[in-house]
Amino acid sequence: MSVFKAPSDTADTILGVWWTEGKKAKVKIYKEAGRYAGEIIWLKASADDDRIIRDSKNEIERLKERPLIGIDLIEGFTFKDSKWVEGKVYDPEKGKSYDCILKLDGDQLEVRGYINMPMFGKSVFWKRVNEAE
């Protein structure tokens, strides 16, 4: 049973390393020029067989050969009313970017991607990486 923790009112509490759903990747969230972004720093698929995973499903032809490690999975967020807004999330499995809202509940981050309206979007949940992981 999890205990609900109130959303944080401190914008920088989002900073750090996060597991994506299913522990497929680690994303390091950082702040630059007043905006928040998150870079892929580890991929399970790469770790399993020591190969470079490319952004092969990207809709932009010239980006299909870039390695996924090092790209920003989320970018452009500002903090407003206890959530991070005005950003984008990239889904490398579909090769598409979506508008996004981030909400923090303790050590769980809701990443809600959507087109047009958040109510019609989809959420995934990331967990903060413990120092031992």
Protein backbone atom coordinates (compact mmCIF):
# COMPACT_ATOMS: atom_id res chain seq x y z
CA MET A 1 0.00 0.00 0.00
CA SER A 2 1.45 3.36 -1.00
CA VAL A 3 1.06 6.51 1.00
CA PHE A 4 -0.02 9.58 -0.95
CA LYS A 5 2.42 12.45 -0.73
CA ALA A 6 1.31 15.96 -1.56
CA PRO A 7 2.66 17.41 -4.79
CA SER A 8 5.83 19.39 -4.41
CA ASP A 9 5.85 23.15 -4.70
CA THR A 10 9.58 23.23 -5.35
CA ALA A 11 10.34 23.12 -9.05
CA ASP A 12 13.81 21.58 -8.69
CA THR A 13 12.56 18.48 -6.85
CA ILE A 14 12.15 16.90 -10.29
CA LEU A 15 15.91 17.00 -10.90
CA GLY A 16 17.75 13.68 -10.83
CA VAL A 17 17.68 10.28 -12.48
CA TRP A 18 14.43 8.43 -13.25
CA TRP A 19 13.50 4.94 -14.43
CA THR A 20 11.02 4.92 -17.29
CA GLU A 21 8.14 2.44 -17.08
CA GLY A 22 9.37 -1.14 -17.17
CA LYS A 23 12.91 0.05 -16.36
CA LYS A 24 13.67 0.27 -20.08
CA ALA A 25 15.74 3.44 -19.66
CA LYS A 26 17.21 5.89 -17.18
CA VAL A 27 16.51 9.55 -17.83
CA LYS A 28 18.47 12.34 -16.14
CA ILE A 29 16.29 15.41 -15.64
CA TYR A 30 18.23 18.67 -15.63
CA LYS A 31 17.54 22.39 -15.72
CA GLU A 32 18.97 24.72 -18.34
CA ALA A 33 18.08 28.37 -18.96
CA GLY A 34 15.09 28.08 -16.60
CA ARG A 35 13.54 25.09 -18.40
CA TYR A 36 13.55 21.39 -17.53
CA ALA A 37 14.56 18.56 -19.84
CA GLY A 38 15.48 14.90 -19.49
CA GLU A 39 18.23 13.05 -21.34
CA ILE A 40 18.42 9.28 -21.85
CA ILE A 41 21.59 8.17 -20.05
CA TRP A 42 21.07 4.37 -20.07
CA LEU A 43 19.04 1.87 -22.11
CA LYS A 44 18.31 -1.70 -21.07
CA ALA A 45 18.52 -2.91 -24.69
CA SER A 46 22.04 -1.46 -25.03
CA ALA A 47 23.16 -2.86 -21.68
CA ASP A 48 21.83 -6.35 -22.52
CA ASP A 49 23.89 -6.87 -25.66
CA ASP A 50 26.34 -3.95 -25.79
CA ARG A 51 25.01 -2.46 -29.02
CA ILE A 52 24.07 1.07 -29.99
CA ILE A 53 20.29 1.55 -30.25
CA ARG A 54 19.39 4.05 -32.95
CA ASP A 55 16.38 6.36 -33.26
CA SER A 56 15.21 4.32 -36.26
CA LYS A 57 11.49 5.16 -35.98
CA ASN A 58 11.98 8.92 -35.92
CA GLU A 59 9.70 10.72 -38.38
CA ILE A 60 12.62 12.96 -39.40
CA GLU A 61 14.80 11.00 -41.81
CA ARG A 62 18.12 12.64 -40.83
CA LEU A 63 17.61 11.66 -37.15
CA LYS A 64 17.03 7.94 -37.73
CA GLU A 65 20.73 7.08 -37.32
CA ARG A 66 21.35 8.99 -34.09
CA PRO A 67 21.92 6.94 -30.94
CA LEU A 68 19.04 7.07 -28.45
CA ILE A 69 21.43 7.44 -25.53
CA GLY A 70 22.05 11.16 -25.22
CA ILE A 71 18.80 12.48 -26.71
CA ASP A 72 16.31 14.50 -24.70
CA LEU A 73 13.23 12.36 -24.08
CA ILE A 74 11.46 15.32 -22.44
CA GLU A 75 12.20 19.00 -23.00
CA GLY A 76 11.01 22.57 -22.66
CA PHE A 77 9.16 22.38 -19.32
CA THR A 78 8.42 25.26 -16.97
CA PHE A 79 7.03 24.92 -13.44
CA LYS A 80 3.55 26.28 -12.72
CA ASP A 81 0.93 25.38 -10.08
CA SER A 82 2.79 22.32 -8.74
CA LYS A 83 3.37 20.75 -12.17
CA TRP A 84 5.71 21.07 -15.12
CA VAL A 85 4.00 22.34 -18.26
CA GLU A 86 4.60 23.61 -21.81
CA GLY A 87 6.97 20.75 -22.62
CA LYS A 88 7.24 17.88 -25.06
CA VAL A 89 7.84 14.16 -24.63
CA TYR A 90 9.38 12.02 -27.35
CA ASP A 91 8.26 8.41 -27.80
CA PRO A 92 11.14 6.58 -29.54
CA GLU A 93 8.98 3.47 -30.03
CA LYS A 94 6.66 5.50 -32.31
CA GLY A 95 9.12 8.16 -33.45
CA LYS A 96 6.74 10.96 -32.43
CA SER A 97 6.71 13.90 -30.02
CA TYR A 98 3.70 14.94 -27.96
CA ASP A 99 2.72 17.84 -25.75
CA CYS A 100 3.27 16.84 -22.15
CA ILE A 101 2.58 17.65 -18.50
CA LEU A 102 4.65 16.27 -15.63
CA LYS A 103 3.31 15.77 -12.10
CA LEU A 104 5.33 14.58 -9.12
CA ASP A 105 3.96 12.45 -6.29
CA GLY A 106 6.80 11.56 -3.93
CA ASP A 107 9.26 9.42 -5.91
CA GLN A 108 6.81 8.81 -8.77
CA LEU A 109 6.61 11.09 -11.80
CA GLU A 110 3.52 11.08 -13.99
CA VAL A 111 4.47 11.78 -17.60
CA ARG A 112 1.26 12.59 -19.52
CA GLY A 113 1.64 12.92 -23.27
CA TYR A 114 -1.25 14.24 -25.34
CA ILE A 115 -2.43 15.79 -28.59
CA ASN A 116 -4.63 18.91 -28.25
CA MET A 117 -6.02 18.24 -24.73
CA PRO A 118 -4.43 16.53 -21.68
CA MET A 119 -7.72 14.80 -20.81
CA PHE A 120 -7.37 12.67 -23.94
CA GLY A 121 -3.73 11.80 -23.34
CA LYS A 122 -1.90 8.83 -21.92
CA SER A 123 0.14 8.69 -18.73
CA VAL A 124 3.16 6.62 -17.90
CA PHE A 125 4.82 6.61 -14.51
CA TRP A 126 8.52 6.94 -13.86
CA LYS A 127 10.21 6.06 -10.56
CA ARG A 128 13.16 7.91 -9.08
CA VAL A 129 16.36 5.85 -9.29
CA ASN A 130 17.74 4.90 -5.88
CA GLU A 131 21.46 5.52 -5.37
CA ALA A 132 22.06 1.75 -5.21
CA GLU A 133 20.59 1.17 -8.71
